Amino acid sequence: MRKSDKKINNNIRNILNQVCEQALIEVKNFVWLTHLVNYDKFPASLTIVCVFEFNDDLVQAKKSGSEAFLSDLIVKKLSTLNIKVKPEKQIIFDTEQNCENEHNGNWQLRLQP
């Protein structure tokens, strides 16, 4: 990773930490988030993964508008870094339950491209 990539990554991480802290307070049953990126194809390759505990929690987040709130928050915060993302393509929602069922709880394996 180039020095400039590290700086961008640190900025993204800091912004997403702010998003995560706010979401833990405001979004029911939200657990954590992470990001994946290939800096050779940045920013199009940036993907943010938002995780809930159970599938029912994610269904409820969609119904209540919490999923849209979280997407909007991510887009807004990343825009402060002049990073534009397409939420429908670059922000995904998942659950601990799905990871456990499909990848035996191994998020590293689950998040591989």
Protein backbone atom coordinates (compact mmCIF):
# COMPACT_ATOMS: atom_id res chain seq x y z
CA MET A 1 0.00 0.00 0.00
CA ARG A 2 1.33 3.39 -1.00
CA LYS A 3 1.76 6.14 1.57
CA SER A 4 -1.10 8.11 0.00
CA ASP A 5 -3.32 5.00 0.18
CA LYS A 6 -2.56 4.62 3.88
CA LYS A 7 -3.57 8.21 4.49
CA ILE A 8 -6.85 7.75 2.63
CA ASN A 9 -7.49 4.48 4.46
CA ASN A 10 -6.89 6.13 7.84
CA ASN A 11 -9.29 8.93 6.95
CA ILE A 12 -11.94 6.43 5.83
CA ARG A 13 -11.44 4.39 8.98
CA ASN A 14 -11.82 7.47 11.19
CA ILE A 15 -15.02 8.54 9.42
CA LEU A 16 -16.47 5.04 9.55
CA ASN A 17 -15.64 4.84 13.26
CA GLN A 18 -17.78 7.94 13.74
CA VAL A 19 -20.58 6.34 11.73
CA CYS A 20 -20.30 3.14 13.75
CA GLU A 21 -20.43 4.97 17.08
CA GLN A 22 -23.51 6.90 16.02
CA ALA A 23 -25.20 3.79 14.58
CA LEU A 24 -24.60 1.81 17.76
CA ILE A 25 -26.64 4.44 19.58
CA GLU A 26 -29.31 5.18 16.97
CA VAL A 27 -29.83 1.98 14.96
CA LYS A 28 -31.50 -0.87 16.80
CA ASN A 29 -29.60 -4.17 16.66
CA PHE A 30 -26.75 -2.76 14.57
CA VAL A 31 -23.50 -4.50 15.58
CA TRP A 32 -20.53 -3.25 13.54
CA LEU A 33 -19.25 -2.20 10.14
CA THR A 34 -16.11 -2.53 8.08
CA HIS A 35 -14.82 -1.53 4.68
CA LEU A 36 -13.01 -3.18 1.81
CA VAL A 37 -11.09 -1.38 -0.88
CA ASN A 38 -8.69 -1.92 -3.76
CA TYR A 39 -6.81 1.36 -4.09
CA ASP A 40 -5.93 0.65 -7.72
CA LYS A 41 -9.67 1.03 -8.42
CA PHE A 42 -10.56 3.60 -5.77
CA PRO A 43 -13.18 4.96 -5.09
CA ALA A 44 -15.31 2.59 -7.20
CA SER A 45 -13.90 -0.41 -5.32
CA LEU A 46 -14.80 0.93 -1.86
CA THR A 47 -17.39 -1.30 -0.20
CA ILE A 48 -18.85 -0.73 3.25
CA VAL A 49 -20.37 -3.70 5.05
CA CYS A 50 -22.90 -3.00 7.81
CA VAL A 51 -23.63 -5.92 10.10
CA PHE A 52 -26.64 -6.78 12.24
CA GLU A 53 -26.86 -9.74 14.61
CA PHE A 54 -29.79 -11.67 13.13
CA ASN A 55 -31.65 -11.76 9.82
CA ASP A 56 -34.83 -10.60 11.56
CA ASP A 57 -32.92 -7.55 12.81
CA LEU A 58 -31.95 -6.67 9.25
CA VAL A 59 -35.52 -7.13 8.03
CA GLN A 60 -36.70 -4.80 10.78
CA ALA A 61 -33.99 -2.26 9.90
CA LYS A 62 -35.28 -2.19 6.32
CA LYS A 63 -38.88 -1.77 7.45
CA SER A 64 -38.11 0.94 9.98
CA GLY A 65 -35.92 3.00 7.66
CA SER A 66 -32.78 2.34 9.70
CA GLU A 67 -31.02 0.78 6.71
CA ALA A 68 -31.67 3.93 4.65
CA PHE A 69 -30.61 6.11 7.59
CA LEU A 70 -27.33 4.21 7.87
CA SER A 71 -26.67 4.43 4.11
CA ASP A 72 -27.39 8.16 4.12
CA LEU A 73 -25.11 8.67 7.11
CA ILE A 74 -22.25 6.81 5.42
CA VAL A 75 -22.67 8.78 2.19
CA LYS A 76 -22.82 12.08 4.08
CA LYS A 77 -19.76 11.35 6.24
CA LEU A 78 -17.66 10.07 3.32
CA SER A 79 -18.57 13.16 1.32
CA THR A 80 -16.68 15.22 3.92
CA LEU A 81 -13.59 13.46 2.52
CA ASN A 82 -14.74 14.13 -1.05
CA ILE A 83 -15.41 10.42 -1.49
CA LYS A 84 -18.58 9.67 -3.42
CA VAL A 85 -20.14 6.24 -3.12
CA LYS A 86 -23.14 4.67 -4.78
CA PRO A 87 -25.08 3.23 -1.85
CA GLU A 88 -26.94 0.63 -3.91
CA LYS A 89 -23.62 -0.82 -5.11
CA GLN A 90 -21.10 0.06 -2.42
CA ILE A 91 -22.96 -0.27 0.87
CA ILE A 92 -24.08 -3.77 1.75
CA PHE A 93 -25.92 -5.14 4.73
CA ASP A 94 -25.28 -8.52 6.28
CA THR A 95 -25.78 -10.43 9.51
CA GLU A 96 -23.76 -12.44 11.95
CA GLN A 97 -26.38 -15.15 11.47
CA ASN A 98 -25.70 -15.39 7.72
CA CYS A 99 -21.94 -15.50 8.27
CA GLU A 100 -22.32 -18.25 10.85
CA ASN A 101 -24.61 -20.29 8.61
CA GLU A 102 -22.70 -19.83 5.36
CA HIS A 103 -19.05 -19.39 6.42
CA ASN A 104 -18.95 -20.92 9.89
CA GLY A 105 -18.55 -17.45 11.42
CA ASN A 106 -15.42 -16.67 9.38
CA TRP A 107 -15.83 -13.05 8.30
CA GLN A 108 -12.44 -12.98 6.58
CA LEU A 109 -13.58 -15.76 4.28
CA ARG A 110 -17.02 -14.21 3.82
CA LEU A 111 -15.64 -10.82 2.81
CA GLN A 112 -13.14 -12.11 0.26
CA PRO A 113 -13.85 -10.83 -3.26
